[in-house]
Amino acid sequence: MRNLILFLPLLFLSQMLFAQEKPLIVIAYYSQSGHTEQLADAIAKGARSNADVEVKLGPISEVTTEDLLTASAIILGSPVYNANIAPPVQEFINSWPFEGRPLKDKIGAVFSTGGGMSIGEELVMLNLMHSMLIHGMILVGGDTVESAFGASAITGEGDYKSEKVDEIFLKKGEGLGKRVAETVLRFR
């Protein structure tokens, strides 16, 4: 009986410590011009609006396999390269661990930036999603019908030709980040 009395508080304390661990959302991107990075920052802002999650934001070159394995959600972004994923992003995806499908049942979401309208933003997002589905991930789109596949931005045509990503696209990014954070907590 004495051992049980000593054991129960330790069990309760360990459960409290475990319950306080926040789920991790990894936001990884590749950006040469800075546009994809700006959209990633907006997504991180949306995710961080929920204090119950931890967010790691960084270029793909700084995201480790351990980050991917620890994450509850992975949000991946790429600029459009000839209506395709940027080659460094494809190389990053190809490096993901596959044996035993360790990314299975993690939340996945995507974003892209492109220099013009109809230049391939949705194609890039769909290709990123295909890769996540191969790994068994559960996909989440944006929070509005206009961002159903994820967040995207036009960065080099008409009114959207600027060094700064237009606010309309940044808001879509924030919405995506917020929705992923909410979904992670719901699945937890």
C-alpha atoms as a PDB file:
ATOM      1  CA  MET A   1       0.000   0.000   0.000  1.00  0.00           C
ATOM      2  CA  ARG A   2       2.847   2.355   0.891  1.00  0.00           C
ATOM      3  CA  ASN A   3       4.419   1.792  -2.549  1.00  0.00           C
ATOM      4  CA  LEU A   4       1.108   2.601  -4.201  1.00  0.00           C
ATOM      5  CA  ILE A   5       0.829   5.847  -2.245  1.00  0.00           C
ATOM      6  CA  LEU A   6       4.341   6.817  -3.369  1.00  0.00           C
ATOM      7  CA  PHE A   7       3.730   5.728  -6.975  1.00  0.00           C
ATOM      8  CA  LEU A   8       0.418   7.558  -7.622  1.00  0.00           C
ATOM      9  CA  PRO A   9       1.816  11.109  -7.194  1.00  0.00           C
ATOM     10  CA  LEU A  10       4.709  10.254  -9.520  1.00  0.00           C
ATOM     11  CA  LEU A  11       2.289   8.902 -12.121  1.00  0.00           C
ATOM     12  CA  PHE A  12       0.122  12.014 -11.844  1.00  0.00           C
ATOM     13  CA  LEU A  13       3.160  14.314 -12.129  1.00  0.00           C
ATOM     14  CA  SER A  14       4.500  12.502 -15.212  1.00  0.00           C
ATOM     15  CA  GLN A  15       1.095  12.741 -16.907  1.00  0.00           C
ATOM     16  CA  MET A  16       0.928  16.463 -16.146  1.00  0.00           C
ATOM     17  CA  LEU A  17       4.392  17.034 -17.632  1.00  0.00           C
ATOM     18  CA  PHE A  18       3.554  15.014 -20.731  1.00  0.00           C
ATOM     19  CA  ALA A  19       0.223  16.800 -21.165  1.00  0.00           C
ATOM     20  CA  GLN A  20       1.996  20.176 -21.089  1.00  0.00           C
ATOM     21  CA  GLU A  21       4.205  19.318 -24.057  1.00  0.00           C
ATOM     22  CA  LYS A  22       2.968  21.375 -26.990  1.00  0.00           C
ATOM     23  CA  PRO A  23       2.569  19.808 -30.434  1.00  0.00           C
ATOM     24  CA  LEU A  24       5.144  21.008 -32.964  1.00  0.00           C
ATOM     25  CA  ILE A  25       4.255  22.508 -36.334  1.00  0.00           C
ATOM     26  CA  VAL A  26       7.188  22.617 -38.768  1.00  0.00           C
ATOM     27  CA  ILE A  27       6.938  25.189 -41.557  1.00  0.00           C
ATOM     28  CA  ALA A  28       9.600  24.526 -44.186  1.00  0.00           C
ATOM     29  CA  TYR A  29      10.124  26.415 -47.430  1.00  0.00           C
ATOM     30  CA  TYR A  30      12.518  27.240 -50.231  1.00  0.00           C
ATOM     31  CA  SER A  31      12.766  30.866 -51.319  1.00  0.00           C
ATOM     32  CA  GLN A  32      15.192  32.619 -53.648  1.00  0.00           C
ATOM     33  CA  SER A  33      13.356  35.913 -54.111  1.00  0.00           C
ATOM     34  CA  GLY A  34      12.013  36.171 -50.554  1.00  0.00           C
ATOM     35  CA  HIS A  35       8.361  35.885 -51.613  1.00  0.00           C
ATOM     36  CA  THR A  36       7.886  32.303 -50.418  1.00  0.00           C
ATOM     37  CA  GLU A  37       9.619  33.220 -47.160  1.00  0.00           C
ATOM     38  CA  GLN A  38       7.187  36.113 -46.639  1.00  0.00           C
ATOM     39  CA  LEU A  39       4.230  33.764 -47.105  1.00  0.00           C
ATOM     40  CA  ALA A  40       5.857  31.270 -44.699  1.00  0.00           C
ATOM     41  CA  ASP A  41       6.190  34.058 -42.113  1.00  0.00           C
ATOM     42  CA  ALA A  42       2.464  34.825 -42.448  1.00  0.00           C
ATOM     43  CA  ILE A  43       1.606  31.135 -42.004  1.00  0.00           C
ATOM     44  CA  ALA A  44       3.791  31.010 -38.886  1.00  0.00           C
ATOM     45  CA  LYS A  45       2.033  34.113 -37.550  1.00  0.00           C
ATOM     46  CA  GLY A  46      -1.322  32.383 -37.975  1.00  0.00           C
ATOM     47  CA  ALA A  47      -0.125  29.176 -36.312  1.00  0.00           C
ATOM     48  CA  ARG A  48       1.486  31.093 -33.433  1.00  0.00           C
ATOM     49  CA  SER A  49      -1.792  32.877 -32.760  1.00  0.00           C
ATOM     50  CA  ASN A  50      -2.653  29.653 -30.937  1.00  0.00           C
ATOM     51  CA  ALA A  51      -0.558  29.514 -27.769  1.00  0.00           C
ATOM     52  CA  ASP A  52      -1.089  25.762 -27.418  1.00  0.00           C
ATOM     53  CA  VAL A  53       1.295  24.857 -30.274  1.00  0.00           C
ATOM     54  CA  GLU A  54       4.997  25.314 -30.900  1.00  0.00           C
ATOM     55  CA  VAL A  55       6.140  26.468 -34.343  1.00  0.00           C
ATOM     56  CA  LYS A  56       9.470  25.894 -36.042  1.00  0.00           C
ATOM     57  CA  LEU A  57       9.875  28.037 -39.158  1.00  0.00           C
ATOM     58  CA  GLY A  58      12.814  27.766 -41.496  1.00  0.00           C
ATOM     59  CA  PRO A  59      14.191  27.120 -44.951  1.00  0.00           C
ATOM     60  CA  ILE A  60      14.358  23.469 -45.989  1.00  0.00           C
ATOM     61  CA  SER A  61      18.133  23.554 -45.532  1.00  0.00           C
ATOM     62  CA  GLU A  62      17.606  24.053 -41.773  1.00  0.00           C
ATOM     63  CA  VAL A  63      14.885  21.435 -41.236  1.00  0.00           C
ATOM     64  CA  THR A  64      16.181  18.094 -39.994  1.00  0.00           C
ATOM     65  CA  THR A  65      14.765  14.603 -40.197  1.00  0.00           C
ATOM     66  CA  GLU A  66      14.333  14.782 -36.424  1.00  0.00           C
ATOM     67  CA  ASP A  67      12.175  17.913 -36.868  1.00  0.00           C
ATOM     68  CA  LEU A  68       9.949  16.015 -39.303  1.00  0.00           C
ATOM     69  CA  LEU A  69       9.666  12.994 -37.024  1.00  0.00           C
ATOM     70  CA  THR A  70       8.888  15.129 -33.972  1.00  0.00           C
ATOM     71  CA  ALA A  71       6.339  17.325 -35.740  1.00  0.00           C
ATOM     72  CA  SER A  72       2.605  16.883 -35.410  1.00  0.00           C
ATOM     73  CA  ALA A  73       2.195  18.904 -38.618  1.00  0.00           C
ATOM     74  CA  ILE A  74       4.385  19.798 -41.584  1.00  0.00           C
ATOM     75  CA  ILE A  75       3.567  22.801 -43.757  1.00  0.00           C
ATOM     76  CA  LEU A  76       5.706  22.858 -46.892  1.00  0.00           C
ATOM     77  CA  GLY A  77       6.148  25.685 -49.399  1.00  0.00           C
ATOM     78  CA  SER A  78       7.733  26.075 -52.807  1.00  0.00           C
ATOM     79  CA  PRO A  79       7.925  28.728 -55.493  1.00  0.00           C
ATOM     80  CA  VAL A  80       6.740  27.767 -58.959  1.00  0.00           C
ATOM     81  CA  TYR A  81       9.497  26.594 -61.321  1.00  0.00           C
ATOM     82  CA  ASN A  82       8.098  26.057 -64.822  1.00  0.00           C
ATOM     83  CA  ALA A  83       4.755  24.956 -63.309  1.00  0.00           C
ATOM     84  CA  ASN A  84       6.615  22.524 -61.021  1.00  0.00           C
ATOM     85  CA  ILE A  85       8.019  22.267 -57.513  1.00  0.00           C
ATOM     86  CA  ALA A  86      11.430  23.912 -57.169  1.00  0.00           C
ATOM     87  CA  PRO A  87      14.138  21.221 -57.540  1.00  0.00           C
ATOM     88  CA  PRO A  88      15.573  21.793 -54.018  1.00  0.00           C
ATOM     89  CA  VAL A  89      12.101  21.187 -52.546  1.00  0.00           C
ATOM     90  CA  GLN A  90      11.767  17.926 -54.475  1.00  0.00           C
ATOM     91  CA  GLU A  91      15.201  16.866 -53.193  1.00  0.00           C
ATOM     92  CA  PHE A  92      14.064  17.713 -49.650  1.00  0.00           C
ATOM     93  CA  ILE A  93      10.929  15.583 -50.049  1.00  0.00           C
ATOM     94  CA  ASN A  94      13.012  12.745 -51.504  1.00  0.00           C
ATOM     95  CA  SER A  95      15.120  12.788 -48.322  1.00  0.00           C
ATOM     96  CA  TRP A  96      12.127  12.200 -46.032  1.00  0.00           C
ATOM     97  CA  PRO A  97      12.225   8.886 -44.167  1.00  0.00           C
ATOM     98  CA  PHE A  98       9.942   6.365 -45.842  1.00  0.00           C
ATOM     99  CA  GLU A  99      10.653   2.936 -44.351  1.00  0.00           C
ATOM    100  CA  GLY A 100       7.829   2.136 -41.970  1.00  0.00           C
ATOM    101  CA  ARG A 101       6.015   5.353 -43.011  1.00  0.00           C
ATOM    102  CA  PRO A 102       6.994   7.398 -39.917  1.00  0.00           C
ATOM    103  CA  LEU A 103       5.182  10.496 -41.250  1.00  0.00           C
ATOM    104  CA  LYS A 104       1.868   8.619 -41.488  1.00  0.00           C
ATOM    105  CA  ASP A 105      -1.055  10.410 -39.810  1.00  0.00           C
ATOM    106  CA  LYS A 106       0.815  13.689 -39.389  1.00  0.00           C
ATOM    107  CA  ILE A 107      -1.088  16.766 -40.524  1.00  0.00           C
ATOM    108  CA  GLY A 108       0.190  18.202 -43.815  1.00  0.00           C
ATOM    109  CA  ALA A 109      -0.473  21.513 -45.565  1.00  0.00           C
ATOM    110  CA  VAL A 110       1.129  23.365 -48.470  1.00  0.00           C
ATOM    111  CA  PHE A 111       1.754  26.798 -49.963  1.00  0.00           C
ATOM    112  CA  SER A 112       3.290  28.254 -53.096  1.00  0.00           C
ATOM    113  CA  THR A 113       4.239  31.509 -54.764  1.00  0.00           C
ATOM    114  CA  GLY A 114       4.396  32.259 -58.454  1.00  0.00           C
ATOM    115  CA  GLY A 115       5.312  35.165 -60.669  1.00  0.00           C
ATOM    116  CA  GLY A 116       1.958  35.389 -62.441  1.00  0.00           C
ATOM    117  CA  MET A 117      -1.647  34.343 -62.631  1.00  0.00           C
ATOM    118  CA  SER A 118      -2.153  30.823 -63.968  1.00  0.00           C
ATOM    119  CA  ILE A 119       1.571  30.148 -63.855  1.00  0.00           C
ATOM    120  CA  GLY A 120       1.264  27.004 -61.742  1.00  0.00           C
ATOM    121  CA  GLU A 121       0.637  27.784 -58.058  1.00  0.00           C
ATOM    122  CA  GLU A 122      -2.131  25.174 -57.780  1.00  0.00           C
ATOM    123  CA  LEU A 123      -0.083  22.593 -59.691  1.00  0.00           C
ATOM    124  CA  VAL A 124       2.771  23.046 -57.243  1.00  0.00           C
ATOM    125  CA  MET A 125       0.420  22.720 -54.264  1.00  0.00           C
ATOM    126  CA  LEU A 126      -1.152  19.566 -55.716  1.00  0.00           C
ATOM    127  CA  ASN A 127       2.272  18.032 -56.347  1.00  0.00           C
ATOM    128  CA  LEU A 128       3.345  18.804 -52.785  1.00  0.00           C
ATOM    129  CA  MET A 129       0.109  17.213 -51.558  1.00  0.00           C
ATOM    130  CA  HIS A 130       0.724  14.102 -53.679  1.00  0.00           C
ATOM    131  CA  SER A 131       4.057  13.629 -51.942  1.00  0.00           C
ATOM    132  CA  MET A 132       2.465  14.043 -48.527  1.00  0.00           C
ATOM    133  CA  LEU A 133      -0.240  11.518 -49.410  1.00  0.00           C
ATOM    134  CA  ILE A 134       2.414   8.960 -50.415  1.00  0.00           C
ATOM    135  CA  HIS A 135       3.759   9.309 -46.874  1.00  0.00           C
ATOM    136  CA  GLY A 136       0.264   8.752 -45.421  1.00  0.00           C
ATOM    137  CA  MET A 137      -0.197  12.281 -44.129  1.00  0.00           C
ATOM    138  CA  ILE A 138      -3.599  13.869 -43.461  1.00  0.00           C
ATOM    139  CA  LEU A 139      -4.001  17.020 -45.568  1.00  0.00           C
ATOM    140  CA  VAL A 140      -5.555  20.310 -44.519  1.00  0.00           C
ATOM    141  CA  GLY A 141      -6.445  23.182 -46.836  1.00  0.00           C
ATOM    142  CA  GLY A 142      -6.868  26.845 -46.047  1.00  0.00           C
ATOM    143  CA  ASP A 143      -9.702  28.417 -44.092  1.00  0.00           C
ATOM    144  CA  THR A 144     -11.618  29.832 -47.091  1.00  0.00           C
ATOM    145  CA  VAL A 145     -12.790  28.507 -50.443  1.00  0.00           C
ATOM    146  CA  GLU A 146     -10.234  30.817 -52.095  1.00  0.00           C
ATOM    147  CA  SER A 147      -7.468  28.943 -50.299  1.00  0.00           C
ATOM    148  CA  ALA A 148      -8.920  25.438 -50.561  1.00  0.00           C
ATOM    149  CA  PHE A 149      -5.604  23.816 -51.565  1.00  0.00           C
ATOM    150  CA  GLY A 150      -3.509  25.876 -49.162  1.00  0.00           C
ATOM    151  CA  ALA A 151      -2.060  29.374 -49.394  1.00  0.00           C
ATOM    152  CA  SER A 152      -0.688  30.814 -52.594  1.00  0.00           C
ATOM    153  CA  ALA A 153       0.509  34.188 -53.797  1.00  0.00           C
ATOM    154  CA  ILE A 154       1.006  35.939 -57.115  1.00  0.00           C
ATOM    155  CA  THR A 155       4.180  37.986 -56.916  1.00  0.00           C
ATOM    156  CA  GLY A 156       5.120  39.322 -60.323  1.00  0.00           C
ATOM    157  CA  GLU A 157       2.131  40.360 -62.410  1.00  0.00           C
ATOM    158  CA  GLY A 158      -0.134  43.391 -62.591  1.00  0.00           C
ATOM    159  CA  ASP A 159      -1.131  44.869 -59.251  1.00  0.00           C
ATOM    160  CA  TYR A 160       0.821  42.121 -57.475  1.00  0.00           C
ATOM    161  CA  LYS A 161       4.240  42.933 -58.956  1.00  0.00           C
ATOM    162  CA  SER A 162       6.193  43.998 -55.890  1.00  0.00           C
ATOM    163  CA  GLU A 163       9.012  43.039 -53.550  1.00  0.00           C
ATOM    164  CA  LYS A 164       6.397  42.617 -50.816  1.00  0.00           C
ATOM    165  CA  VAL A 165       3.728  39.925 -51.044  1.00  0.00           C
ATOM    166  CA  ASP A 166       0.282  41.543 -51.201  1.00  0.00           C
ATOM    167  CA  GLU A 167      -1.744  41.591 -47.992  1.00  0.00           C
ATOM    168  CA  ILE A 168      -4.572  39.529 -49.543  1.00  0.00           C
ATOM    169  CA  PHE A 169      -2.186  36.573 -49.915  1.00  0.00           C
ATOM    170  CA  LEU A 170      -0.585  37.063 -46.492  1.00  0.00           C
ATOM    171  CA  LYS A 171      -4.062  36.866 -44.899  1.00  0.00           C
ATOM    172  CA  LYS A 172      -4.608  33.531 -46.662  1.00  0.00           C
ATOM    173  CA  GLY A 173      -1.305  32.362 -45.207  1.00  0.00           C
ATOM    174  CA  GLU A 174      -2.306  33.407 -41.691  1.00  0.00           C
ATOM    175  CA  GLY A 175      -5.608  31.572 -42.125  1.00  0.00           C
ATOM    176  CA  LEU A 176      -3.805  28.404 -43.207  1.00  0.00           C
ATOM    177  CA  GLY A 177      -1.447  28.521 -40.221  1.00  0.00           C
ATOM    178  CA  LYS A 178      -4.306  29.089 -37.811  1.00  0.00           C
ATOM    179  CA  ARG A 179      -6.345  26.245 -39.308  1.00  0.00           C
ATOM    180  CA  VAL A 180      -3.431  23.805 -39.129  1.00  0.00           C
ATOM    181  CA  ALA A 181      -2.846  24.694 -35.451  1.00  0.00           C
ATOM    182  CA  GLU A 182      -6.533  24.156 -34.664  1.00  0.00           C
ATOM    183  CA  THR A 183      -6.550  20.848 -36.559  1.00  0.00           C
ATOM    184  CA  VAL A 184      -3.442  19.567 -34.789  1.00  0.00           C
ATOM    185  CA  LEU A 185      -5.052  20.258 -31.423  1.00  0.00           C
ATOM    186  CA  ARG A 186      -8.299  18.591 -32.513  1.00  0.00           C
ATOM    187  CA  PHE A 187      -6.431  15.452 -33.594  1.00  0.00           C
ATOM    188  CA  ARG A 188      -4.391  15.406 -30.419  1.00  0.00           C
END
